[in-house]
């Protein structure tokens, strides 16, 4: 999810369709290969603020429709049957319809939502970042699992481990940096089998080394971006720390460039709007883990 991006159709033209993931049995978190340096399985009933900071909207990007708030209305936790298969409970990010909501900087939005970041609390250089996530499908819902570098975008780099704009049959990964942001050539979709689509649990991961990113969905490599590839366009900036982000955007430029919807809202379908109004639009996160080798 680009921090200050304009996502054009040309970027999508560079997408390479890879074979769909096959249906598997109920996923179980694999034993990590390396030292675990960050882990949260959201087993409590409140946010661990030693790890995560909820963002309150003070910036507005991508023509998105939501304002981010620090509220249990949009950042919550479920257990038992409500966790839908997350053994120890799950984090839920869920946009809400809130017409006329005004932000502290005086802007007005019809939706509120949640965005969590580990900025200045946890960051790392090289390793594997992964999360087990379950999504709800409807055109214009835009949840994401990603990383950003310091101090600003795109100079600090961006790693989109998983983006979803509401079409159940695919999810995408991307890399952005100076000279390869916005209409970046480094974007890839993975198409999913109908009986194992994005509304089912999947583990979305990236292996980050000094020379490359390898994105893996359910342990299967789906995309690779190397230092050499990036240097055709600009500087490889992925040599310093990045922090983690989970968020749920609504509408905006990326969904619009795919679905072309202008009504009922920019990039947002009637189905998605109704899901939000009925409090059924959500991203469930079973766990987040970062490991380092050696």
C-alpha atoms as a PDB file:
ATOM      1  CA  UNK A   1       0.000   0.000   0.000  1.00  0.00           C
ATOM      2  CA  UNK A   2       1.845   3.024  -1.225  1.00  0.00           C
ATOM      3  CA  UNK A   3       2.373   5.672   1.397  1.00  0.00           C
ATOM      4  CA  UNK A   4       2.099   8.537  -1.103  1.00  0.00           C
ATOM      5  CA  UNK A   5       1.366   6.714  -4.285  1.00  0.00           C
ATOM      6  CA  UNK A   6      -0.541   7.043  -7.492  1.00  0.00           C
ATOM      7  CA  UNK A   7      -1.173   3.511  -8.709  1.00  0.00           C
ATOM      8  CA  UNK A   8      -1.776   3.436 -12.462  1.00  0.00           C
ATOM      9  CA  UNK A   9      -3.012   0.770 -14.779  1.00  0.00           C
ATOM     10  CA  UNK A  10       0.421   0.656 -16.392  1.00  0.00           C
ATOM     11  CA  UNK A  11       1.771  -0.849 -13.219  1.00  0.00           C
ATOM     12  CA  UNK A  12      -0.688  -3.647 -13.477  1.00  0.00           C
ATOM     13  CA  UNK A  13       0.380  -4.348 -17.038  1.00  0.00           C
ATOM     14  CA  UNK A  14       3.656  -5.563 -15.623  1.00  0.00           C
ATOM     15  CA  UNK A  15       1.919  -8.176 -13.514  1.00  0.00           C
ATOM     16  CA  UNK A  16       2.804 -11.769 -14.168  1.00  0.00           C
ATOM     17  CA  UNK A  17       0.146 -14.381 -13.540  1.00  0.00           C
ATOM     18  CA  UNK A  18       1.563 -17.389 -11.710  1.00  0.00           C
ATOM     19  CA  UNK A  19      -0.087 -20.743 -10.984  1.00  0.00           C
ATOM     20  CA  UNK A  20      -2.815 -20.696  -8.377  1.00  0.00           C
ATOM     21  CA  UNK A  21      -2.264 -22.084  -4.912  1.00  0.00           C
ATOM     22  CA  UNK A  22      -3.846 -25.452  -4.471  1.00  0.00           C
ATOM     23  CA  UNK A  23      -6.391 -26.105  -1.752  1.00  0.00           C
ATOM     24  CA  UNK A  24      -4.777 -27.408   1.399  1.00  0.00           C
ATOM     25  CA  UNK A  25      -5.856 -28.616   4.782  1.00  0.00           C
ATOM     26  CA  UNK A  26      -6.348 -26.120   7.592  1.00  0.00           C
ATOM     27  CA  UNK A  27      -3.012 -24.259   7.810  1.00  0.00           C
ATOM     28  CA  UNK A  28      -0.828 -24.669  10.861  1.00  0.00           C
ATOM     29  CA  UNK A  29       1.961 -22.184  11.529  1.00  0.00           C
ATOM     30  CA  UNK A  30       5.210 -23.815  10.441  1.00  0.00           C
ATOM     31  CA  UNK A  31       8.076 -23.905  12.895  1.00  0.00           C
ATOM     32  CA  UNK A  32      10.107 -20.767  12.214  1.00  0.00           C
ATOM     33  CA  UNK A  33      13.474 -21.247  10.525  1.00  0.00           C
ATOM     34  CA  UNK A  34      15.592 -18.908  12.592  1.00  0.00           C
ATOM     35  CA  UNK A  35      15.383 -16.706  15.634  1.00  0.00           C
ATOM     36  CA  UNK A  36      11.998 -15.111  16.291  1.00  0.00           C
ATOM     37  CA  UNK A  37      12.566 -11.384  16.867  1.00  0.00           C
ATOM     38  CA  UNK A  38       8.913 -10.300  16.774  1.00  0.00           C
ATOM     39  CA  UNK A  39       5.712 -12.200  17.422  1.00  0.00           C
ATOM     40  CA  UNK A  40       2.120 -11.334  18.220  1.00  0.00           C
ATOM     41  CA  UNK A  41      -0.724 -13.841  18.085  1.00  0.00           C
ATOM     42  CA  UNK A  42      -3.304 -11.355  19.372  1.00  0.00           C
ATOM     43  CA  UNK A  43      -4.355 -13.774  22.101  1.00  0.00           C
ATOM     44  CA  UNK A  44      -5.397 -11.036  24.511  1.00  0.00           C
ATOM     45  CA  UNK A  45      -8.440  -8.819  24.378  1.00  0.00           C
ATOM     46  CA  UNK A  46      -6.580  -5.583  23.773  1.00  0.00           C
ATOM     47  CA  UNK A  47      -3.809  -4.194  21.609  1.00  0.00           C
ATOM     48  CA  UNK A  48      -0.238  -4.645  22.818  1.00  0.00           C
ATOM     49  CA  UNK A  49       0.878  -1.043  22.589  1.00  0.00           C
ATOM     50  CA  UNK A  50       4.458  -1.934  23.379  1.00  0.00           C
ATOM     51  CA  UNK A  51       4.479  -3.417  19.852  1.00  0.00           C
ATOM     52  CA  UNK A  52       1.852  -1.511  17.888  1.00  0.00           C
ATOM     53  CA  UNK A  53       0.792   2.120  17.487  1.00  0.00           C
ATOM     54  CA  UNK A  54      -2.646   2.937  16.036  1.00  0.00           C
ATOM     55  CA  UNK A  55      -2.358   5.737  13.492  1.00  0.00           C
ATOM     56  CA  UNK A  56      -4.752   8.670  13.729  1.00  0.00           C
ATOM     57  CA  UNK A  57      -5.347  10.351  10.381  1.00  0.00           C
ATOM     58  CA  UNK A  58      -3.276  13.453   9.840  1.00  0.00           C
ATOM     59  CA  UNK A  59      -2.229  12.601   6.312  1.00  0.00           C
ATOM     60  CA  UNK A  60      -4.445  11.753   3.365  1.00  0.00           C
ATOM     61  CA  UNK A  61      -3.163   9.680   0.445  1.00  0.00           C
ATOM     62  CA  UNK A  62      -4.272   7.681  -2.580  1.00  0.00           C
ATOM     63  CA  UNK A  63      -7.722   9.339  -2.629  1.00  0.00           C
ATOM     64  CA  UNK A  64      -8.771   6.835   0.029  1.00  0.00           C
ATOM     65  CA  UNK A  65     -12.178   7.269   1.624  1.00  0.00           C
ATOM     66  CA  UNK A  66     -11.385   6.495   5.266  1.00  0.00           C
ATOM     67  CA  UNK A  67     -10.015   8.376   8.226  1.00  0.00           C
ATOM     68  CA  UNK A  68      -7.869   6.308  10.572  1.00  0.00           C
ATOM     69  CA  UNK A  69      -8.868   6.376  14.234  1.00  0.00           C
ATOM     70  CA  UNK A  70      -7.679   4.787  17.462  1.00  0.00           C
ATOM     71  CA  UNK A  71     -10.899   3.063  18.440  1.00  0.00           C
ATOM     72  CA  UNK A  72     -12.220  -0.373  19.380  1.00  0.00           C
ATOM     73  CA  UNK A  73     -14.860   0.203  16.716  1.00  0.00           C
ATOM     74  CA  UNK A  74     -12.262  -0.476  14.034  1.00  0.00           C
ATOM     75  CA  UNK A  75      -9.476  -2.296  15.944  1.00  0.00           C
ATOM     76  CA  UNK A  76     -10.827  -5.214  17.926  1.00  0.00           C
ATOM     77  CA  UNK A  77     -10.145  -8.792  19.004  1.00  0.00           C
ATOM     78  CA  UNK A  78     -12.133 -12.010  18.764  1.00  0.00           C
ATOM     79  CA  UNK A  79     -11.830 -15.484  20.248  1.00  0.00           C
ATOM     80  CA  UNK A  80     -13.523 -18.839  19.882  1.00  0.00           C
ATOM     81  CA  UNK A  81     -15.893 -19.311  16.964  1.00  0.00           C
ATOM     82  CA  UNK A  82     -15.732 -15.595  16.137  1.00  0.00           C
ATOM     83  CA  UNK A  83     -12.010 -16.037  15.377  1.00  0.00           C
ATOM     84  CA  UNK A  84     -12.981 -18.253  12.417  1.00  0.00           C
ATOM     85  CA  UNK A  85     -10.156 -20.724  12.887  1.00  0.00           C
ATOM     86  CA  UNK A  86      -7.495 -18.567  14.559  1.00  0.00           C
ATOM     87  CA  UNK A  87      -6.541 -20.871  17.408  1.00  0.00           C
ATOM     88  CA  UNK A  88      -5.582 -18.255  20.006  1.00  0.00           C
ATOM     89  CA  UNK A  89      -7.862 -15.492  18.837  1.00  0.00           C
ATOM     90  CA  UNK A  90      -7.409 -12.858  16.166  1.00  0.00           C
ATOM     91  CA  UNK A  91      -6.989  -9.166  15.518  1.00  0.00           C
ATOM     92  CA  UNK A  92      -9.842  -7.647  13.508  1.00  0.00           C
ATOM     93  CA  UNK A  93      -9.484  -4.493  11.426  1.00  0.00           C
ATOM     94  CA  UNK A  94     -12.926  -3.407  10.265  1.00  0.00           C
ATOM     95  CA  UNK A  95     -13.946  -0.185   8.526  1.00  0.00           C
ATOM     96  CA  UNK A  96     -17.122   1.530   9.674  1.00  0.00           C
ATOM     97  CA  UNK A  97     -19.593   3.821   7.937  1.00  0.00           C
ATOM     98  CA  UNK A  98     -19.472   7.162   9.745  1.00  0.00           C
ATOM     99  CA  UNK A  99     -20.843   9.927   7.494  1.00  0.00           C
ATOM    100  CA  UNK A 100     -19.422  13.370   8.135  1.00  0.00           C
ATOM    101  CA  UNK A 101     -16.565  12.247  10.378  1.00  0.00           C
ATOM    102  CA  UNK A 102     -14.156  15.160  10.797  1.00  0.00           C
ATOM    103  CA  UNK A 103     -10.444  14.671  11.357  1.00  0.00           C
ATOM    104  CA  UNK A 104      -8.353  16.862  13.622  1.00  0.00           C
ATOM    105  CA  UNK A 105      -6.995  18.664  10.554  1.00  0.00           C
ATOM    106  CA  UNK A 106     -10.501  19.632   9.469  1.00  0.00           C
ATOM    107  CA  UNK A 107     -11.193  17.147   6.673  1.00  0.00           C
ATOM    108  CA  UNK A 108     -14.421  15.175   6.369  1.00  0.00           C
ATOM    109  CA  UNK A 109     -14.820  11.463   5.639  1.00  0.00           C
ATOM    110  CA  UNK A 110     -17.721   9.022   5.490  1.00  0.00           C
ATOM    111  CA  UNK A 111     -15.672   6.057   6.719  1.00  0.00           C
ATOM    112  CA  UNK A 112     -13.361   5.329   9.630  1.00  0.00           C
ATOM    113  CA  UNK A 113     -10.911   2.443   9.851  1.00  0.00           C
ATOM    114  CA  UNK A 114      -7.774   1.093  11.547  1.00  0.00           C
ATOM    115  CA  UNK A 115      -4.086   1.256  10.761  1.00  0.00           C
ATOM    116  CA  UNK A 116      -1.436  -0.283  13.034  1.00  0.00           C
ATOM    117  CA  UNK A 117       2.294   0.268  12.778  1.00  0.00           C
ATOM    118  CA  UNK A 118       5.395  -0.757  14.704  1.00  0.00           C
ATOM    119  CA  UNK A 119       7.247   2.479  13.852  1.00  0.00           C
ATOM    120  CA  UNK A 120       9.805   3.386  16.536  1.00  0.00           C
ATOM    121  CA  UNK A 121       8.814   0.250  18.470  1.00  0.00           C
ATOM    122  CA  UNK A 122      10.018  -2.579  16.244  1.00  0.00           C
ATOM    123  CA  UNK A 123      11.939  -2.568  12.999  1.00  0.00           C
ATOM    124  CA  UNK A 124      14.489  -4.855  11.403  1.00  0.00           C
ATOM    125  CA  UNK A 125      16.913  -5.340   8.533  1.00  0.00           C
ATOM    126  CA  UNK A 126      16.827  -8.678   6.672  1.00  0.00           C
ATOM    127  CA  UNK A 127      14.807 -11.659   7.737  1.00  0.00           C
ATOM    128  CA  UNK A 128      11.351 -13.093   7.131  1.00  0.00           C
ATOM    129  CA  UNK A 129       8.136 -11.211   7.903  1.00  0.00           C
ATOM    130  CA  UNK A 130       4.927 -13.214   7.739  1.00  0.00           C
ATOM    131  CA  UNK A 131       1.311 -13.033   8.838  1.00  0.00           C
ATOM    132  CA  UNK A 132      -1.675 -15.374   8.671  1.00  0.00           C
ATOM    133  CA  UNK A 133      -4.659 -13.433   7.347  1.00  0.00           C
ATOM    134  CA  UNK A 134      -8.283 -14.006   6.321  1.00  0.00           C
ATOM    135  CA  UNK A 135     -10.180 -11.463   4.191  1.00  0.00           C
ATOM    136  CA  UNK A 136     -13.689 -10.516   3.110  1.00  0.00           C
ATOM    137  CA  UNK A 137     -14.266  -9.884  -0.594  1.00  0.00           C
ATOM    138  CA  UNK A 138     -16.058  -6.942  -2.239  1.00  0.00           C
ATOM    139  CA  UNK A 139     -14.706  -4.499  -4.813  1.00  0.00           C
ATOM    140  CA  UNK A 140     -13.035  -1.544  -3.155  1.00  0.00           C
ATOM    141  CA  UNK A 141     -12.143  -3.047   0.203  1.00  0.00           C
ATOM    142  CA  UNK A 142      -8.385  -2.470   0.491  1.00  0.00           C
ATOM    143  CA  UNK A 143      -6.673  -4.228   3.418  1.00  0.00           C
ATOM    144  CA  UNK A 144      -2.904  -4.620   3.363  1.00  0.00           C
ATOM    145  CA  UNK A 145       0.098  -6.108   5.177  1.00  0.00           C
ATOM    146  CA  UNK A 146       3.319  -4.244   4.395  1.00  0.00           C
ATOM    147  CA  UNK A 147       6.513  -2.503   5.535  1.00  0.00           C
ATOM    148  CA  UNK A 148       8.040   0.960   5.243  1.00  0.00           C
ATOM    149  CA  UNK A 149      11.544   2.304   5.714  1.00  0.00           C
ATOM    150  CA  UNK A 150      12.744   5.557   7.238  1.00  0.00           C
ATOM    151  CA  UNK A 151      12.605   8.517   7.032  1.00  0.00           C
ATOM    152  CA  UNK A 152      10.192   9.164   4.184  1.00  0.00           C
ATOM    153  CA  UNK A 153       8.662   7.690   1.056  1.00  0.00           C
ATOM    154  CA  UNK A 154       9.929   6.547  -1.422  1.00  0.00           C
ATOM    155  CA  UNK A 155      13.533   7.121  -0.304  1.00  0.00           C
ATOM    156  CA  UNK A 156      13.101   4.716   2.614  1.00  0.00           C
ATOM    157  CA  UNK A 157      11.557   1.995   0.454  1.00  0.00           C
ATOM    158  CA  UNK A 158       8.265   0.147   0.701  1.00  0.00           C
ATOM    159  CA  UNK A 159       7.572  -3.583   0.726  1.00  0.00           C
ATOM    160  CA  UNK A 160       3.969  -4.616   0.102  1.00  0.00           C
ATOM    161  CA  UNK A 161       3.750  -8.181   1.332  1.00  0.00           C
ATOM    162  CA  UNK A 162       0.029  -8.491   0.637  1.00  0.00           C
ATOM    163  CA  UNK A 163      -2.484  -6.091  -0.894  1.00  0.00           C
ATOM    164  CA  UNK A 164      -6.094  -6.937  -1.635  1.00  0.00           C
ATOM    165  CA  UNK A 165      -8.662  -4.742  -3.339  1.00  0.00           C
ATOM    166  CA  UNK A 166     -11.669  -6.961  -2.875  1.00  0.00           C
ATOM    167  CA  UNK A 167     -11.491  -9.431  -5.782  1.00  0.00           C
ATOM    168  CA  UNK A 168     -11.460 -12.824  -4.100  1.00  0.00           C
ATOM    169  CA  UNK A 169      -9.390 -14.613  -6.752  1.00  0.00           C
ATOM    170  CA  UNK A 170      -6.154 -12.638  -6.389  1.00  0.00           C
ATOM    171  CA  UNK A 171      -3.789 -10.865  -4.029  1.00  0.00           C
ATOM    172  CA  UNK A 172      -0.652  -8.907  -4.885  1.00  0.00           C
ATOM    173  CA  UNK A 173       2.845  -8.041  -3.709  1.00  0.00           C
ATOM    174  CA  UNK A 174       5.036  -5.077  -4.671  1.00  0.00           C
ATOM    175  CA  UNK A 175       8.287  -3.230  -4.037  1.00  0.00           C
ATOM    176  CA  UNK A 176       8.666   0.559  -4.277  1.00  0.00           C
ATOM    177  CA  UNK A 177      11.711   2.800  -4.047  1.00  0.00           C
ATOM    178  CA  UNK A 178      13.220   5.909  -5.641  1.00  0.00           C
ATOM    179  CA  UNK A 179      12.809   5.620  -9.401  1.00  0.00           C
ATOM    180  CA  UNK A 180      10.451   2.649  -9.147  1.00  0.00           C
ATOM    181  CA  UNK A 181       7.451   3.922  -7.211  1.00  0.00           C
ATOM    182  CA  UNK A 182       3.908   4.695  -8.322  1.00  0.00           C
ATOM    183  CA  UNK A 183       4.047   3.041 -11.745  1.00  0.00           C
ATOM    184  CA  UNK A 184       6.551   0.545 -10.398  1.00  0.00           C
ATOM    185  CA  UNK A 185       7.435  -2.432 -12.583  1.00  0.00           C
ATOM    186  CA  UNK A 186       7.768  -4.531  -9.439  1.00  0.00           C
ATOM    187  CA  UNK A 187       4.182  -5.655  -8.829  1.00  0.00           C
ATOM    188  CA  UNK A 188       2.836  -9.170  -9.091  1.00  0.00           C
ATOM    189  CA  UNK A 189      -0.512 -10.888  -8.626  1.00  0.00           C
ATOM    190  CA  UNK A 190      -1.100 -14.430  -7.504  1.00  0.00           C
ATOM    191  CA  UNK A 191      -4.368 -15.947  -8.689  1.00  0.00           C
ATOM    192  CA  UNK A 192      -6.004 -18.299  -6.206  1.00  0.00           C
ATOM    193  CA  UNK A 193      -8.160 -21.375  -6.722  1.00  0.00           C
ATOM    194  CA  UNK A 194     -11.869 -20.706  -6.307  1.00  0.00           C
ATOM    195  CA  UNK A 195     -12.118 -23.136  -3.391  1.00  0.00           C
ATOM    196  CA  UNK A 196      -9.094 -21.587  -1.667  1.00  0.00           C
ATOM    197  CA  UNK A 197      -9.446 -17.905  -2.447  1.00  0.00           C
ATOM    198  CA  UNK A 198      -8.521 -14.839  -0.395  1.00  0.00           C
ATOM    199  CA  UNK A 199     -11.514 -15.302   1.892  1.00  0.00           C
ATOM    200  CA  UNK A 200      -9.740 -18.361   3.331  1.00  0.00           C
ATOM    201  CA  UNK A 201      -6.773 -18.266   5.694  1.00  0.00           C
ATOM    202  CA  UNK A 202      -3.400 -17.770   3.997  1.00  0.00           C
ATOM    203  CA  UNK A 203       0.097 -17.002   5.238  1.00  0.00           C
ATOM    204  CA  UNK A 204       1.640 -14.040   3.421  1.00  0.00           C
ATOM    205  CA  UNK A 205       5.403 -13.689   3.801  1.00  0.00           C
ATOM    206  CA  UNK A 206       8.527 -12.085   2.409  1.00  0.00           C
ATOM    207  CA  UNK A 207      12.135 -13.263   2.737  1.00  0.00           C
ATOM    208  CA  UNK A 208      14.394 -10.187   2.732  1.00  0.00           C
ATOM    209  CA  UNK A 209      18.139 -10.479   2.092  1.00  0.00           C
ATOM    210  CA  UNK A 210      20.780  -7.910   1.067  1.00  0.00           C
ATOM    211  CA  UNK A 211      20.234  -8.927  -2.554  1.00  0.00           C
ATOM    212  CA  UNK A 212      16.513  -9.608  -2.919  1.00  0.00           C
ATOM    213  CA  UNK A 213      12.941  -9.963  -1.728  1.00  0.00           C
ATOM    214  CA  UNK A 214      11.198 -13.301  -2.260  1.00  0.00           C
ATOM    215  CA  UNK A 215       7.470 -13.179  -1.591  1.00  0.00           C
ATOM    216  CA  UNK A 216       5.864 -16.437  -0.482  1.00  0.00           C
ATOM    217  CA  UNK A 217       2.177 -17.215  -0.086  1.00  0.00           C
ATOM    218  CA  UNK A 218       1.492 -20.337   1.980  1.00  0.00           C
ATOM    219  CA  UNK A 219       5.194 -21.113   1.696  1.00  0.00           C
ATOM    220  CA  UNK A 220       5.205 -21.069  -2.109  1.00  0.00           C
ATOM    221  CA  UNK A 221       7.379 -18.410  -3.835  1.00  0.00           C
ATOM    222  CA  UNK A 222       5.176 -16.150  -5.975  1.00  0.00           C
ATOM    223  CA  UNK A 223       7.463 -13.210  -6.815  1.00  0.00           C
ATOM    224  CA  UNK A 224      11.095 -12.141  -6.574  1.00  0.00           C
ATOM    225  CA  UNK A 225      12.648  -8.685  -6.850  1.00  0.00           C
ATOM    226  CA  UNK A 226      16.430  -8.418  -6.832  1.00  0.00           C
ATOM    227  CA  UNK A 227      18.852  -5.592  -6.226  1.00  0.00           C
ATOM    228  CA  UNK A 228      20.076  -5.872  -9.806  1.00  0.00           C
ATOM    229  CA  UNK A 229      16.548  -5.562 -11.177  1.00  0.00           C
ATOM    230  CA  UNK A 230      15.810  -2.473  -9.079  1.00  0.00           C
ATOM    231  CA  UNK A 231      19.055  -0.758 -10.044  1.00  0.00           C
ATOM    232  CA  UNK A 232      17.864  -0.545 -13.640  1.00  0.00           C
ATOM    233  CA  UNK A 233      15.446   2.114 -12.342  1.00  0.00           C
ATOM    234  CA  UNK A 234      17.011   3.655  -9.260  1.00  0.00           C
ATOM    235  CA  UNK A 235      18.907   3.089  -6.041  1.00  0.00           C
ATOM    236  CA  UNK A 236      18.425  -0.119  -4.075  1.00  0.00           C
ATOM    237  CA  UNK A 237      17.488   1.370  -0.701  1.00  0.00           C
ATOM    238  CA  UNK A 238      16.640  -1.838   1.130  1.00  0.00           C
ATOM    239  CA  UNK A 239      19.744  -1.932   3.293  1.00  0.00           C
ATOM    240  CA  UNK A 240      18.282  -0.312   6.399  1.00  0.00           C
ATOM    241  CA  UNK A 241      15.452  -0.935   8.820  1.00  0.00           C
ATOM    242  CA  UNK A 242      11.786  -1.281   7.946  1.00  0.00           C
ATOM    243  CA  UNK A 243       8.768  -1.396  10.248  1.00  0.00           C
ATOM    244  CA  UNK A 244       5.512  -3.337   9.994  1.00  0.00           C
ATOM    245  CA  UNK A 245       2.048  -2.079   9.012  1.00  0.00           C
ATOM    246  CA  UNK A 246      -1.422  -3.628   9.003  1.00  0.00           C
ATOM    247  CA  UNK A 247      -4.239  -1.440   7.731  1.00  0.00           C
ATOM    248  CA  UNK A 248      -7.655  -1.441   6.111  1.00  0.00           C
ATOM    249  CA  UNK A 249      -8.251   1.272   3.511  1.00  0.00           C
ATOM    250  CA  UNK A 250     -11.542   1.906   1.702  1.00  0.00           C
ATOM    251  CA  UNK A 251     -11.797   2.829  -1.983  1.00  0.00           C
ATOM    252  CA  UNK A 252      -9.145   5.050  -3.541  1.00  0.00           C
ATOM    253  CA  UNK A 253      -6.891   5.064  -6.578  1.00  0.00           C
ATOM    254  CA  UNK A 254      -5.727   1.430  -6.627  1.00  0.00           C
ATOM    255  CA  UNK A 255      -9.226  -0.101  -6.464  1.00  0.00           C
ATOM    256  CA  UNK A 256     -10.523   2.512  -8.927  1.00  0.00           C
ATOM    257  CA  UNK A 257      -7.830   1.712 -11.484  1.00  0.00           C
ATOM    258  CA  UNK A 258      -9.029  -1.902 -11.400  1.00  0.00           C
ATOM    259  CA  UNK A 259     -12.792  -1.641 -10.956  1.00  0.00           C
ATOM    260  CA  UNK A 260     -13.471   1.812 -12.487  1.00  0.00           C
ATOM    261  CA  UNK A 261     -16.248   2.530  -9.998  1.00  0.00           C
ATOM    262  CA  UNK A 262     -17.280   6.098  -9.269  1.00  0.00           C
ATOM    263  CA  UNK A 263     -20.498   5.271  -7.422  1.00  0.00           C
ATOM    264  CA  UNK A 264     -21.592   4.867  -4.707  1.00  0.00           C
ATOM    265  CA  UNK A 265     -18.065   6.061  -3.848  1.00  0.00           C
ATOM    266  CA  UNK A 266     -14.762   6.387  -5.698  1.00  0.00           C
ATOM    267  CA  UNK A 267     -13.404   2.868  -6.172  1.00  0.00           C
ATOM    268  CA  UNK A 268     -15.997   1.340  -3.840  1.00  0.00           C
ATOM    269  CA  UNK A 269     -18.814  -1.000  -4.853  1.00  0.00           C
ATOM    270  CA  UNK A 270     -22.353  -1.110  -3.522  1.00  0.00           C
ATOM    271  CA  UNK A 271     -21.621  -4.568  -2.123  1.00  0.00           C
ATOM    272  CA  UNK A 272     -18.597  -3.282  -0.220  1.00  0.00           C
ATOM    273  CA  UNK A 273     -20.570  -0.320   1.105  1.00  0.00           C
ATOM    274  CA  UNK A 274     -23.301  -2.627   2.387  1.00  0.00           C
ATOM    275  CA  UNK A 275     -20.761  -4.925   4.031  1.00  0.00           C
ATOM    276  CA  UNK A 276     -19.266  -1.932   5.815  1.00  0.00           C
ATOM    277  CA  UNK A 277     -22.666  -0.613   6.874  1.00  0.00           C
ATOM    278  CA  UNK A 278     -23.572  -4.064   8.209  1.00  0.00           C
ATOM    279  CA  UNK A 279     -20.204  -4.350   9.996  1.00  0.00           C
ATOM    280  CA  UNK A 280     -19.184  -7.406   7.992  1.00  0.00           C
ATOM    281  CA  UNK A 281     -16.146  -5.993   6.172  1.00  0.00           C
ATOM    282  CA  UNK A 282     -13.041  -7.119   8.017  1.00  0.00           C
ATOM    283  CA  UNK A 283      -9.500  -8.427   7.924  1.00  0.00           C
ATOM    284  CA  UNK A 284      -8.693 -11.084  10.516  1.00  0.00           C
ATOM    285  CA  UNK A 285      -5.049 -11.521  11.513  1.00  0.00           C
ATOM    286  CA  UNK A 286      -4.183 -14.733  13.362  1.00  0.00           C
ATOM    287  CA  UNK A 287      -0.544 -13.848  14.007  1.00  0.00           C
ATOM    288  CA  UNK A 288       2.432 -11.786  12.835  1.00  0.00           C
ATOM    289  CA  UNK A 289       5.999 -13.064  13.071  1.00  0.00           C
ATOM    290  CA  UNK A 290       9.472 -11.858  12.068  1.00  0.00           C
ATOM    291  CA  UNK A 291      12.466 -14.182  12.124  1.00  0.00           C
ATOM    292  CA  UNK A 292      16.167 -13.802  11.380  1.00  0.00           C
ATOM    293  CA  UNK A 293      18.497 -16.566  10.266  1.00  0.00           C
ATOM    294  CA  UNK A 294      21.530 -17.531  12.278  1.00  0.00           C
END
